C-alpha atoms as a PDB file:
ATOM      1  CA  UNK A   1      18.667  31.092  20.320  1.00  0.00           C
ATOM      2  CA  UNK A   2      15.173  29.083  17.975  1.00  0.00           C
ATOM      3  CA  UNK A   3      13.886  27.536  20.710  1.00  0.00           C
ATOM      4  CA  UNK A   4      12.551  23.885  19.711  1.00  0.00           C
ATOM      5  CA  UNK A   5       8.999  24.923  19.112  1.00  0.00           C
ATOM      6  CA  UNK A   6      10.618  27.397  15.987  1.00  0.00           C
ATOM      7  CA  UNK A   7      12.989  24.901  14.281  1.00  0.00           C
ATOM      8  CA  UNK A   8      11.689  21.975  14.301  1.00  0.00           C
ATOM      9  CA  UNK A   9       8.517  21.873  11.964  1.00  0.00           C
ATOM     10  CA  UNK A  10       7.177  17.915  11.007  1.00  0.00           C
ATOM     11  CA  UNK A  11       5.080  18.503   7.425  1.00  0.00           C
ATOM     12  CA  UNK A  12       1.653  16.911   8.341  1.00  0.00           C
ATOM     13  CA  UNK A  13      -0.961  15.262   5.210  1.00  0.00           C
ATOM     14  CA  UNK A  14      -4.173  15.777   5.181  1.00  0.00           C
ATOM     15  CA  UNK A  15      -7.737  14.393   4.086  1.00  0.00           C
ATOM     16  CA  UNK A  16     -11.211  14.636   4.530  1.00  0.00           C
ATOM     17  CA  UNK A  17     -11.906  16.013   7.350  1.00  0.00           C
ATOM     18  CA  UNK A  18      -8.818  17.158   8.490  1.00  0.00           C
ATOM     19  CA  UNK A  19      -9.298  19.310   5.500  1.00  0.00           C
ATOM     20  CA  UNK A  20     -10.383  23.612   5.402  1.00  0.00           C
ATOM     21  CA  UNK A  21     -13.715  23.429   5.181  1.00  0.00           C
ATOM     22  CA  UNK A  22     -14.255  20.034   6.819  1.00  0.00           C
ATOM     23  CA  UNK A  23     -15.912  18.491  10.044  1.00  0.00           C
ATOM     24  CA  UNK A  24     -12.387  18.570  12.038  1.00  0.00           C
ATOM     25  CA  UNK A  25     -10.765  21.258  10.815  1.00  0.00           C
ATOM     26  CA  UNK A  26     -10.449  23.036  14.070  1.00  0.00           C
ATOM     27  CA  UNK A  27      -8.023  20.532  15.078  1.00  0.00           C
ATOM     28  CA  UNK A  28      -5.540  22.354  11.982  1.00  0.00           C
ATOM     29  CA  UNK A  29      -4.947  25.390  14.777  1.00  0.00           C
ATOM     30  CA  UNK A  30      -2.009  27.100  14.251  1.00  0.00           C
ATOM     31  CA  UNK A  31      -0.432  24.667  11.295  1.00  0.00           C
ATOM     32  CA  UNK A  32       0.426  26.961   8.719  1.00  0.00           C
ATOM     33  CA  UNK A  33      -1.000  25.510   5.375  1.00  0.00           C
ATOM     34  CA  UNK A  34       1.906  25.059   2.749  1.00  0.00           C
ATOM     35  CA  UNK A  35      -0.453  23.681  -0.093  1.00  0.00           C
ATOM     36  CA  UNK A  36      -3.162  21.280  -1.986  1.00  0.00           C
ATOM     37  CA  UNK A  37      -1.093  17.602  -2.383  1.00  0.00           C
ATOM     38  CA  UNK A  38      -1.544  14.290  -3.800  1.00  0.00           C
ATOM     39  CA  UNK A  39      -0.374  10.980  -2.228  1.00  0.00           C
ATOM     40  CA  UNK A  40      -0.744   7.534  -4.761  1.00  0.00           C
ATOM     41  CA  UNK A  41      -3.441   4.786  -2.870  1.00  0.00           C
ATOM     42  CA  UNK A  42      -6.740   4.702  -2.687  1.00  0.00           C
ATOM     43  CA  UNK A  43      -9.058   6.367   0.055  1.00  0.00           C
ATOM     44  CA  UNK A  44     -10.960   3.083   1.403  1.00  0.00           C
ATOM     45  CA  UNK A  45     -12.639   2.576   5.127  1.00  0.00           C
ATOM     46  CA  UNK A  46     -11.936  -0.048   6.757  1.00  0.00           C
ATOM     47  CA  UNK A  47     -14.227  -2.837   9.084  1.00  0.00           C
ATOM     48  CA  UNK A  48     -14.238  -0.920  12.324  1.00  0.00           C
ATOM     49  CA  UNK A  49     -15.324   2.199  10.099  1.00  0.00           C
ATOM     50  CA  UNK A  50     -11.164   4.094  10.528  1.00  0.00           C
ATOM     51  CA  UNK A  51     -10.119   5.357   6.845  1.00  0.00           C
ATOM     52  CA  UNK A  52      -6.806   4.793   6.068  1.00  0.00           C
ATOM     53  CA  UNK A  53      -4.983   5.488   2.549  1.00  0.00           C
ATOM     54  CA  UNK A  54      -4.084   1.874   0.475  1.00  0.00           C
ATOM     55  CA  UNK A  55      -0.549   2.144  -1.211  1.00  0.00           C
ATOM     56  CA  UNK A  56      -1.468  -1.024  -3.234  1.00  0.00           C
ATOM     57  CA  UNK A  57      -3.812   0.095  -5.257  1.00  0.00           C
ATOM     58  CA  UNK A  58      -2.183   1.974  -7.891  1.00  0.00           C
ATOM     59  CA  UNK A  59      -3.198   4.503 -10.397  1.00  0.00           C
ATOM     60  CA  UNK A  60      -5.086   6.458  -7.976  1.00  0.00           C
ATOM     61  CA  UNK A  61      -4.180   9.189  -5.735  1.00  0.00           C
ATOM     62  CA  UNK A  62      -6.444  10.098  -2.851  1.00  0.00           C
ATOM     63  CA  UNK A  63      -6.031  14.013  -2.742  1.00  0.00           C
ATOM     64  CA  UNK A  64      -5.279  16.247   0.474  1.00  0.00           C
ATOM     65  CA  UNK A  65      -3.395  19.388   1.844  1.00  0.00           C
ATOM     66  CA  UNK A  66       0.688  19.909   4.221  1.00  0.00           C
ATOM     67  CA  UNK A  67       0.558  21.738   6.793  1.00  0.00           C
ATOM     68  CA  UNK A  68       3.238  22.552   8.957  1.00  0.00           C
ATOM     69  CA  UNK A  69       3.468  21.615  12.492  1.00  0.00           C
ATOM     70  CA  UNK A  70       6.040  21.952  15.279  1.00  0.00           C
END
């Protein structure tokens, strides 16, 4: 019988400093790389300094990576 951690996998899209070779990629340790992907939307920075993808902007894509995490 498999444990919950072996069968419950979440696909996580990461961009920016969480991608391979970037400053905070160490947070992805233990996650299985699934490939390079993109999502529709413009990468934006809020007034508070956090980063987000604005899905209202059409015709633009943000490139990232997908990882399998449990």
